[in-house]
Amino acid sequence: MTVSKISLDYAKSNKLFYFVASAVVYRKSDGRCLLLKRSEREKVHPGLWGVIGGKLEWENLDVKNPTRINGDVLDFEHIAEALLAREAKEEAGIKIQSQLAYLDSVAFVRPDGVPVVLVKFGAQFKLGEVVINRHDFSDFAWVNAREVRNYQTIVGISEELQKTINIFSTGYPTALA
């Protein structure tokens, strides 16, 4: 029997996390990556420069429309890709390529006590003009690995940006070309 709704009834309270994905967006035409300045109203890293990203929400797991039924388990494939495509559109008004390059991951606890698992990716810019969501962000910039040092970023962003540039400027992975 497959599940008919999402529930926390049987979840272990010590195993609950937000799942968050982020992506450094790389623009091949000039070798720059997109930075977004977080609003001062944000709970996490207010006023710092970061990249696109967001939380997985229950509505992203429509139990009536899984991508695959795996025995009695409902699978939702390419969930991080769909999440980041949505966030790129909502936060910056752009489209990204669907293939992502894994960068790394981190678990952290937000100032409000909510535990988070963050998985970080590199993504290639596809099209669009950046129009930021003014509720969540106050500015944006396209920067290279040297220029990012001039911005007060979330810890690790500079390294993630460099890794993304290295991945995409060398043509790896080839499927992303």
Protein backbone atom coordinates (compact mmCIF):
# COMPACT_ATOMS: atom_id res chain seq x y z
CA MET A 1 0.00 0.00 0.00
CA THR A 2 1.38 3.40 -0.95
CA VAL A 3 0.99 6.54 1.10
CA SER A 4 -2.02 8.78 0.42
CA LYS A 5 -0.79 11.94 2.16
CA ILE A 6 2.34 13.38 3.70
CA SER A 7 2.35 13.14 7.46
CA LEU A 8 4.67 13.49 10.44
CA ASP A 9 2.60 11.01 12.48
CA TYR A 10 5.26 8.29 12.31
CA ALA A 11 8.33 10.50 11.89
CA LYS A 12 10.91 10.42 14.62
CA SER A 13 11.16 13.89 16.09
CA ASN A 14 14.96 13.65 16.23
CA LYS A 15 15.16 12.99 12.48
CA LEU A 16 13.38 16.05 11.08
CA PHE A 17 15.27 18.62 8.98
CA TYR A 18 14.61 21.26 6.36
CA PHE A 19 16.06 20.15 3.04
CA VAL A 20 17.57 23.13 1.22
CA ALA A 21 19.37 23.28 -2.11
CA SER A 22 21.43 26.16 -3.46
CA ALA A 23 23.16 26.80 -6.77
CA VAL A 24 25.95 29.00 -7.98
CA VAL A 25 24.72 30.10 -11.42
CA TYR A 26 27.54 30.29 -13.99
CA ARG A 27 27.21 32.40 -17.14
CA LYS A 28 29.44 30.90 -19.84
CA SER A 29 29.49 34.01 -22.05
CA ASP A 30 31.70 35.95 -19.60
CA GLY A 31 32.74 33.38 -16.99
CA ARG A 32 30.85 35.13 -14.19
CA CYS A 33 28.51 33.85 -11.49
CA LEU A 34 25.39 35.39 -10.00
CA LEU A 35 25.41 36.77 -6.47
CA LEU A 36 22.27 37.95 -4.69
CA LYS A 37 22.30 40.25 -1.65
CA ARG A 38 19.96 38.85 0.99
CA SER A 39 17.37 41.16 2.54
CA GLU A 40 18.01 42.49 6.02
CA ARG A 41 14.69 40.81 6.97
CA GLU A 42 16.00 37.27 6.34
CA LYS A 43 16.32 34.93 9.36
CA VAL A 44 19.54 33.40 8.06
CA HIS A 45 22.47 35.55 6.87
CA PRO A 46 20.61 38.88 6.58
CA GLY A 47 22.38 41.45 4.39
CA LEU A 48 25.03 39.03 3.13
CA TRP A 49 25.67 38.06 -0.48
CA GLY A 50 24.70 34.53 -1.46
CA VAL A 51 23.31 32.49 -4.33
CA ILE A 52 19.91 31.14 -5.38
CA GLY A 53 18.36 28.48 -3.23
CA GLY A 54 15.37 27.40 -1.27
CA LYS A 55 13.58 24.84 0.86
CA LEU A 56 11.83 21.72 -0.32
CA GLU A 57 8.15 22.00 0.58
CA TRP A 58 5.52 19.32 1.03
CA GLU A 59 3.66 20.59 -2.03
CA ASN A 60 6.73 19.55 -4.07
CA LEU A 61 5.90 15.95 -3.15
CA ASP A 62 2.41 15.53 -4.66
CA VAL A 63 1.56 11.98 -3.58
CA LYS A 64 -1.03 11.75 -6.37
CA ASN A 65 1.67 12.39 -9.00
CA PRO A 66 4.97 10.66 -8.16
CA THR A 67 7.44 10.24 -11.01
CA ARG A 68 7.73 6.53 -10.17
CA ILE A 69 6.20 3.97 -7.84
CA ASN A 70 8.94 1.79 -6.39
CA GLY A 71 7.07 -1.04 -4.66
CA ASP A 72 5.13 0.72 -1.92
CA VAL A 73 7.39 3.80 -2.04
CA LEU A 74 6.57 6.95 -4.01
CA ASP A 75 9.60 8.39 -5.83
CA PHE A 76 9.97 12.03 -6.84
CA GLU A 77 12.94 12.12 -9.19
CA HIS A 78 14.96 15.24 -10.05
CA ILE A 79 13.55 17.05 -7.02
CA ALA A 80 16.66 19.23 -6.49
CA GLU A 81 16.68 20.21 -10.18
CA ALA A 82 13.01 21.23 -10.04
CA LEU A 83 13.52 23.09 -6.74
CA LEU A 84 16.46 25.10 -8.11
CA ALA A 85 14.72 25.84 -11.42
CA ARG A 86 11.78 27.24 -9.42
CA GLU A 87 14.05 29.27 -7.14
CA ALA A 88 16.06 30.69 -10.06
CA LYS A 89 12.80 31.93 -11.59
CA GLU A 90 11.29 33.20 -8.32
CA GLU A 91 14.42 34.82 -6.88
CA ALA A 92 16.18 36.13 -9.98
CA GLY A 93 13.76 35.85 -12.91
CA ILE A 94 16.13 33.59 -14.87
CA LYS A 95 16.22 30.05 -16.22
CA ILE A 96 19.03 27.61 -15.55
CA GLN A 97 20.05 24.43 -17.34
CA SER A 98 18.46 21.33 -15.80
CA GLN A 99 21.74 19.47 -15.27
CA LEU A 100 23.49 20.33 -12.02
CA ALA A 101 27.05 19.78 -10.80
CA TYR A 102 27.34 18.69 -7.18
CA LEU A 103 29.60 20.97 -5.10
CA ASP A 104 29.20 19.85 -1.48
CA SER A 105 26.82 19.76 1.47
CA VAL A 106 26.55 21.07 5.00
CA ALA A 107 24.18 20.62 7.93
CA PHE A 108 23.56 23.58 10.20
CA VAL A 109 21.16 24.88 12.81
CA ARG A 110 19.43 28.18 12.06
CA PRO A 111 19.26 30.96 14.69
CA ASP A 112 15.63 29.93 15.34
CA GLY A 113 16.72 26.36 16.17
CA VAL A 114 15.57 24.69 12.93
CA PRO A 115 18.07 22.08 11.66
CA VAL A 116 18.88 22.24 7.94
CA VAL A 117 20.62 19.99 5.43
CA LEU A 118 21.94 22.14 2.57
CA VAL A 119 23.11 20.52 -0.68
CA LYS A 120 25.05 22.88 -2.95
CA PHE A 121 25.27 22.72 -6.73
CA GLY A 122 26.70 24.57 -9.68
CA ALA A 123 24.25 25.39 -12.49
CA GLN A 124 24.59 26.95 -15.89
CA PHE A 125 22.65 30.07 -16.81
CA LYS A 126 20.20 29.38 -19.64
CA LEU A 127 18.37 32.64 -20.35
CA GLY A 128 16.70 35.73 -19.00
CA GLU A 129 17.51 39.10 -17.53
CA VAL A 130 18.00 39.19 -13.77
CA VAL A 131 15.05 40.74 -11.97
CA ILE A 132 15.43 40.05 -8.27
CA ASN A 133 12.61 39.31 -5.86
CA ARG A 134 12.70 42.56 -3.85
CA HIS A 135 11.07 40.91 -0.83
CA ASP A 136 14.01 38.54 -0.32
CA PHE A 137 16.92 40.38 -1.97
CA SER A 138 18.17 43.94 -2.30
CA ASP A 139 20.78 43.67 -5.07
CA PHE A 140 22.57 41.35 -7.49
CA ALA A 141 25.92 41.16 -9.24
CA TRP A 142 27.63 38.96 -11.83
CA VAL A 143 31.17 38.34 -10.55
CA ASN A 144 34.26 36.30 -11.33
CA ALA A 145 36.49 34.52 -8.80
CA ARG A 146 38.56 37.66 -8.14
CA GLU A 147 35.64 40.10 -7.90
CA VAL A 148 33.71 37.99 -5.36
CA ARG A 149 36.32 39.00 -2.74
CA ASN A 150 34.88 42.54 -2.86
CA TYR A 151 31.52 41.32 -1.47
CA GLN A 152 30.58 40.37 2.06
CA THR A 153 29.38 36.84 1.30
CA ILE A 154 28.08 33.96 3.33
CA VAL A 155 31.06 31.86 4.42
CA GLY A 156 31.99 29.40 1.68
CA ILE A 157 30.40 31.24 -1.25
CA SER A 158 33.76 32.33 -2.67
CA GLU A 159 35.02 28.73 -2.73
CA GLU A 160 31.77 27.44 -4.22
CA LEU A 161 31.95 30.10 -6.92
CA GLN A 162 35.55 29.12 -7.77
CA LYS A 163 34.64 25.43 -7.88
CA THR A 164 31.68 26.17 -10.18
CA ILE A 165 33.85 28.23 -12.52
CA ASN A 166 36.43 25.42 -12.61
CA ILE A 167 33.79 22.80 -13.40
CA PHE A 168 32.06 24.70 -16.18
CA SER A 169 35.01 26.50 -17.74
CA THR A 170 36.87 23.22 -18.28
CA GLY A 171 33.92 21.61 -20.02
CA TYR A 172 33.26 19.12 -17.22
CA PRO A 173 30.88 17.41 -17.10
CA THR A 174 30.56 17.12 -20.85
CA ALA A 175 26.83 16.40 -20.65
CA LEU A 176 26.36 19.97 -19.48
CA ALA A 177 27.86 21.57 -22.58
